PDB file of all heavy atoms in Angstrom:
ATOM      1  N   ARG A   1      -4.949  10.016   8.443  1.00  0.00           N
ATOM      2  CA  ARG A   1      -5.707   8.834   8.088  1.00  0.00           C
ATOM      3  C   ARG A   1      -6.216   9.007   6.635  1.00  0.00           C
ATOM      4  O   ARG A   1      -6.262  10.096   6.093  1.00  0.00           O
ATOM      5  CB  ARG A   1      -6.872   8.564   9.016  1.00  0.00           C
ATOM      6  CG  ARG A   1      -7.934   9.721   8.983  1.00  0.00           C
ATOM      7  CD  ARG A   1      -9.123   9.383   9.935  1.00  0.00           C
ATOM      8  NE  ARG A   1     -10.151  10.412   9.793  1.00  0.00           N
ATOM      9  CZ  ARG A   1     -11.194  10.389   9.010  1.00  0.00           C
ATOM     10  NH1 ARG A   1     -11.269   9.503   8.089  1.00  0.00           N
ATOM     11  NH2 ARG A   1     -12.012  11.451   9.038  1.00  0.00           N
ATOM     12  N   LEU A   2      -6.679   7.852   6.055  1.00  0.00           N
ATOM     13  CA  LEU A   2      -7.340   7.816   4.770  1.00  0.00           C
ATOM     14  C   LEU A   2      -8.501   6.903   4.876  1.00  0.00           C
ATOM     15  O   LEU A   2      -8.385   5.699   5.224  1.00  0.00           O
ATOM     16  CB  LEU A   2      -6.276   7.208   3.778  1.00  0.00           C
ATOM     17  CG  LEU A   2      -6.741   7.071   2.272  1.00  0.00           C
ATOM     18  CD1 LEU A   2      -7.110   8.410   1.726  1.00  0.00           C
ATOM     19  CD2 LEU A   2      -5.718   6.262   1.537  1.00  0.00           C
ATOM     20  N   ASN A   3      -9.650   7.378   4.416  1.00  0.00           N
ATOM     21  CA  ASN A   3     -10.891   6.620   4.278  1.00  0.00           C
ATOM     22  C   ASN A   3     -11.171   6.233   2.876  1.00  0.00           C
ATOM     23  O   ASN A   3     -11.280   7.123   2.009  1.00  0.00           O
ATOM     24  CB  ASN A   3     -12.066   7.382   4.874  1.00  0.00           C
ATOM     25  CG  ASN A   3     -13.335   6.637   4.882  1.00  0.00           C
ATOM     26  OD1 ASN A   3     -13.455   5.489   4.456  1.00  0.00           O
ATOM     27  ND2 ASN A   3     -14.410   7.239   5.361  1.00  0.00           N
ATOM     28  N   LEU A   4     -11.192   4.897   2.559  1.00  0.00           N
ATOM     29  CA  LEU A   4     -11.451   4.454   1.227  1.00  0.00           C
ATOM     30  C   LEU A   4     -12.794   3.889   0.905  1.00  0.00           C
ATOM     31  O   LEU A   4     -12.987   3.217  -0.084  1.00  0.00           O
ATOM     32  CB  LEU A   4     -10.290   3.384   0.893  1.00  0.00           C
ATOM     33  CG  LEU A   4      -8.852   3.907   0.784  1.00  0.00           C
ATOM     34  CD1 LEU A   4      -7.906   2.749   0.747  1.00  0.00           C
ATOM     35  CD2 LEU A   4      -8.734   4.794  -0.423  1.00  0.00           C
ATOM     36  N   ASP A   5     -13.799   4.082   1.789  1.00  0.00           N
ATOM     37  CA  ASP A   5     -15.069   3.592   1.580  1.00  0.00           C
ATOM     38  C   ASP A   5     -15.814   4.690   0.676  1.00  0.00           C
ATOM     39  O   ASP A   5     -16.402   5.647   1.248  1.00  0.00           O
ATOM     40  CB  ASP A   5     -15.869   3.355   2.831  1.00  0.00           C
ATOM     41  CG  ASP A   5     -17.260   2.754   2.530  1.00  0.00           C
ATOM     42  OD1 ASP A   5     -17.638   2.633   1.320  1.00  0.00           O
ATOM     43  OD2 ASP A   5     -17.943   2.408   3.511  1.00  0.00           O
ATOM     44  N   THR A   6     -15.744   4.503  -0.640  1.00  0.00           N
ATOM     45  CA  THR A   6     -16.350   5.472  -1.474  1.00  0.00           C
ATOM     46  C   THR A   6     -17.706   5.085  -1.981  1.00  0.00           C
ATOM     47  O   THR A   6     -18.273   5.486  -3.011  1.00  0.00           O
ATOM     48  CB  THR A   6     -15.430   5.746  -2.684  1.00  0.00           C
ATOM     49  OG1 THR A   6     -14.985   4.535  -3.267  1.00  0.00           O
ATOM     50  CG2 THR A   6     -14.187   6.555  -2.232  1.00  0.00           C
ATOM     51  N   GLY A   7     -18.361   4.119  -1.194  1.00  0.00           N
ATOM     52  CA  GLY A   7     -19.797   3.781  -1.448  1.00  0.00           C
ATOM     53  C   GLY A   7     -20.042   2.946  -2.654  1.00  0.00           C
ATOM     54  O   GLY A   7     -20.944   3.274  -3.443  1.00  0.00           O
ATOM     55  N   ALA A   8     -19.194   1.939  -2.895  1.00  0.00           N
ATOM     56  CA  ALA A   8     -19.405   1.054  -4.110  1.00  0.00           C
ATOM     57  C   ALA A   8     -20.731   0.603  -4.235  1.00  0.00           C
ATOM     58  O   ALA A   8     -21.326   0.475  -5.371  1.00  0.00           O
ATOM     59  CB  ALA A   8     -18.378   0.055  -4.194  1.00  0.00           C
ATOM     60  N   CYS A   9     -21.362   0.124  -3.149  1.00  0.00           N
ATOM     61  CA  CYS A   9     -22.739  -0.481  -3.174  1.00  0.00           C
ATOM     62  C   CYS A   9     -23.781   0.592  -3.312  1.00  0.00           C
ATOM     63  O   CYS A   9     -24.956   0.187  -3.474  1.00  0.00           O
ATOM     64  CB  CYS A   9     -22.891  -1.464  -2.035  1.00  0.00           C
ATOM     65  SG  CYS A   9     -23.005  -0.570  -0.396  1.00  0.00           S
ATOM     66  N   PHE A  10     -23.481   1.831  -3.145  1.00  0.00           N
ATOM     67  CA  PHE A  10     -24.505   2.922  -3.177  1.00  0.00           C
ATOM     68  C   PHE A  10     -24.399   3.758  -4.490  1.00  0.00           C
ATOM     69  O   PHE A  10     -24.893   4.809  -4.583  1.00  0.00           O
ATOM     70  CB  PHE A  10     -24.396   3.838  -2.047  1.00  0.00           C
ATOM     71  CG  PHE A  10     -24.476   3.195  -0.686  1.00  0.00           C
ATOM     72  CD1 PHE A  10     -23.576   3.105   0.257  1.00  0.00           C
ATOM     73  CD2 PHE A  10     -25.673   2.504  -0.334  1.00  0.00           C
ATOM     74  CE1 PHE A  10     -23.658   2.567   1.513  1.00  0.00           C
ATOM     75  CE2 PHE A  10     -25.843   1.866   0.909  1.00  0.00           C
ATOM     76  CZ  PHE A  10     -24.804   1.903   1.827  1.00  0.00           C
ATOM     77  N   GLY A  11     -23.713   3.211  -5.498  1.00  0.00           N
ATOM     78  CA  GLY A  11     -23.497   3.916  -6.763  1.00  0.00           C
ATOM     79  C   GLY A  11     -22.213   4.612  -6.930  1.00  0.00           C
ATOM     80  O   GLY A  11     -21.913   5.098  -7.986  1.00  0.00           O
ATOM     81  N   GLY A  12     -21.420   4.639  -5.851  1.00  0.00           N
ATOM     82  CA  GLY A  12     -20.119   5.235  -6.045  1.00  0.00           C
ATOM     83  C   GLY A  12     -19.092   4.253  -6.535  1.00  0.00           C
ATOM     84  O   GLY A  12     -19.419   3.116  -6.817  1.00  0.00           O
ATOM     85  N   PRO A  13     -17.850   4.711  -6.768  1.00  0.00           N
ATOM     86  CA  PRO A  13     -16.794   3.789  -7.279  1.00  0.00           C
ATOM     87  C   PRO A  13     -16.280   2.858  -6.191  1.00  0.00           C
ATOM     88  O   PRO A  13     -16.462   3.132  -4.985  1.00  0.00           O
ATOM     89  CB  PRO A  13     -15.638   4.708  -7.757  1.00  0.00           C
ATOM     90  CG  PRO A  13     -15.887   5.876  -6.793  1.00  0.00           C
ATOM     91  CD  PRO A  13     -17.316   6.051  -6.505  1.00  0.00           C
ATOM     92  N   LEU A  14     -15.616   1.820  -6.562  1.00  0.00           N
ATOM     93  CA  LEU A  14     -14.797   1.023  -5.657  1.00  0.00           C
ATOM     94  C   LEU A  14     -13.382   1.521  -5.840  1.00  0.00           C
ATOM     95  O   LEU A  14     -12.809   1.648  -6.953  1.00  0.00           O
ATOM     96  CB  LEU A  14     -14.808  -0.487  -6.025  1.00  0.00           C
ATOM     97  CG  LEU A  14     -14.032  -1.405  -5.212  1.00  0.00           C
ATOM     98  CD1 LEU A  14     -14.478  -1.349  -3.750  1.00  0.00           C
ATOM     99  CD2 LEU A  14     -14.149  -2.830  -5.748  1.00  0.00           C
ATOM    100  N   THR A  15     -12.689   1.850  -4.797  1.00  0.00           N
ATOM    101  CA  THR A  15     -11.463   2.612  -4.836  1.00  0.00           C
ATOM    102  C   THR A  15     -10.342   1.890  -4.144  1.00  0.00           C
ATOM    103  O   THR A  15     -10.530   1.208  -3.096  1.00  0.00           O
ATOM    104  CB  THR A  15     -11.649   4.000  -4.085  1.00  0.00           C
ATOM    105  OG1 THR A  15     -12.724   4.717  -4.825  1.00  0.00           O
ATOM    106  CG2 THR A  15     -10.400   4.806  -4.207  1.00  0.00           C
ATOM    107  N   ALA A  16      -9.149   2.021  -4.701  1.00  0.00           N
ATOM    108  CA  ALA A  16      -7.877   1.574  -4.112  1.00  0.00           C
ATOM    109  C   ALA A  16      -6.940   2.674  -4.009  1.00  0.00           C
ATOM    110  O   ALA A  16      -6.882   3.533  -4.886  1.00  0.00           O
ATOM    111  CB  ALA A  16      -7.237   0.421  -4.951  1.00  0.00           C
ATOM    112  N   ALA A  17      -6.115   2.731  -2.935  1.00  0.00           N
ATOM    113  CA  ALA A  17      -5.091   3.654  -2.709  1.00  0.00           C
ATOM    114  C   ALA A  17      -3.836   2.900  -2.987  1.00  0.00           C
ATOM    115  O   ALA A  17      -3.617   1.746  -2.616  1.00  0.00           O
ATOM    116  CB  ALA A  17      -5.105   4.215  -1.342  1.00  0.00           C
ATOM    117  N   VAL A  18      -2.830   3.535  -3.595  1.00  0.00           N
ATOM    118  CA  VAL A  18      -1.566   2.908  -3.896  1.00  0.00           C
ATOM    119  C   VAL A  18      -0.485   3.535  -2.965  1.00  0.00           C
ATOM    120  O   VAL A  18      -0.408   4.724  -2.820  1.00  0.00           O
ATOM    121  CB  VAL A  18      -1.145   3.242  -5.352  1.00  0.00           C
ATOM    122  CG1 VAL A  18       0.136   2.407  -5.697  1.00  0.00           C
ATOM    123  CG2 VAL A  18      -2.321   2.899  -6.362  1.00  0.00           C
ATOM    124  N   PHE A  19       0.283   2.649  -2.364  1.00  0.00           N
ATOM    125  CA  PHE A  19       1.364   3.055  -1.455  1.00  0.00           C
ATOM    126  C   PHE A  19       2.651   2.403  -2.003  1.00  0.00           C
ATOM    127  O   PHE A  19       2.675   1.342  -2.599  1.00  0.00           O
ATOM    128  CB  PHE A  19       1.132   2.588  -0.026  1.00  0.00           C
ATOM    129  CG  PHE A  19      -0.148   3.139   0.599  1.00  0.00           C
ATOM    130  CD1 PHE A  19      -1.361   2.437   0.483  1.00  0.00           C
ATOM    131  CD2 PHE A  19      -0.174   4.296   1.193  1.00  0.00           C
ATOM    132  CE1 PHE A  19      -2.519   2.902   1.032  1.00  0.00           C
ATOM    133  CE2 PHE A  19      -1.326   4.911   1.786  1.00  0.00           C
ATOM    134  CZ  PHE A  19      -2.524   4.116   1.668  1.00  0.00           C
ATOM    135  N   ASP A  20       3.776   3.166  -1.727  1.00  0.00           N
ATOM    136  CA  ASP A  20       5.077   2.544  -2.083  1.00  0.00           C
ATOM    137  C   ASP A  20       5.892   2.415  -0.752  1.00  0.00           C
ATOM    138  O   ASP A  20       5.379   2.656   0.411  1.00  0.00           O
ATOM    139  CB  ASP A  20       5.854   3.273  -3.060  1.00  0.00           C
ATOM    140  CG  ASP A  20       6.220   4.745  -2.729  1.00  0.00           C
ATOM    141  OD1 ASP A  20       6.127   5.103  -1.560  1.00  0.00           O
ATOM    142  OD2 ASP A  20       6.595   5.500  -3.610  1.00  0.00           O
ATOM    143  N   ASP A  21       7.169   2.095  -0.857  1.00  0.00           N
ATOM    144  CA  ASP A  21       8.007   1.886   0.354  1.00  0.00           C
ATOM    145  C   ASP A  21       8.688   3.120   0.789  1.00  0.00           C
ATOM    146  O   ASP A  21       9.418   3.114   1.820  1.00  0.00           O
ATOM    147  CB  ASP A  21       9.110   0.877   0.014  1.00  0.00           C
ATOM    148  CG  ASP A  21       8.529  -0.546  -0.290  1.00  0.00           C
ATOM    149  OD1 ASP A  21       7.463  -0.880   0.279  1.00  0.00           O
ATOM    150  OD2 ASP A  21       9.125  -1.284  -1.008  1.00  0.00           O
ATOM    151  N   VAL A  22       8.474   4.253   0.120  1.00  0.00           N
ATOM    152  CA  VAL A  22       9.131   5.563   0.373  1.00  0.00           C
ATOM    153  C   VAL A  22       8.193   6.495   1.121  1.00  0.00           C
ATOM    154  O   VAL A  22       8.426   6.853   2.309  1.00  0.00           O
ATOM    155  CB  VAL A  22       9.726   6.151  -0.869  1.00  0.00           C
ATOM    156  CG1 VAL A  22      10.390   7.484  -0.413  1.00  0.00           C
ATOM    157  CG2 VAL A  22      10.700   5.242  -1.502  1.00  0.00           C
ATOM    158  N   ALA A  23       7.123   6.907   0.500  1.00  0.00           N
ATOM    159  CA  ALA A  23       6.194   7.782   1.122  1.00  0.00           C
ATOM    160  C   ALA A  23       5.257   7.083   2.032  1.00  0.00           C
ATOM    161  O   ALA A  23       5.040   5.876   2.063  1.00  0.00           O
ATOM    162  CB  ALA A  23       5.266   8.433   0.009  1.00  0.00           C
ATOM    163  N   VAL A  24       4.741   7.893   3.058  1.00  0.00           N
ATOM    164  CA  VAL A  24       3.849   7.264   4.025  1.00  0.00           C
ATOM    165  C   VAL A  24       2.438   7.276   3.427  1.00  0.00           C
ATOM    166  O   VAL A  24       1.709   6.299   3.481  1.00  0.00           O
ATOM    167  CB  VAL A  24       3.875   8.067   5.402  1.00  0.00           C
ATOM    168  CG1 VAL A  24       2.821   7.629   6.323  1.00  0.00           C
ATOM    169  CG2 VAL A  24       5.271   7.971   5.993  1.00  0.00           C
TER     170      VAL A  24
END
């Protein structure tokens, strides 16, 4: 699994993960 809540509203960054059609 991957957790992407990096606490944007608490001073952390807003984060996106990038996926393609090959890797999981």
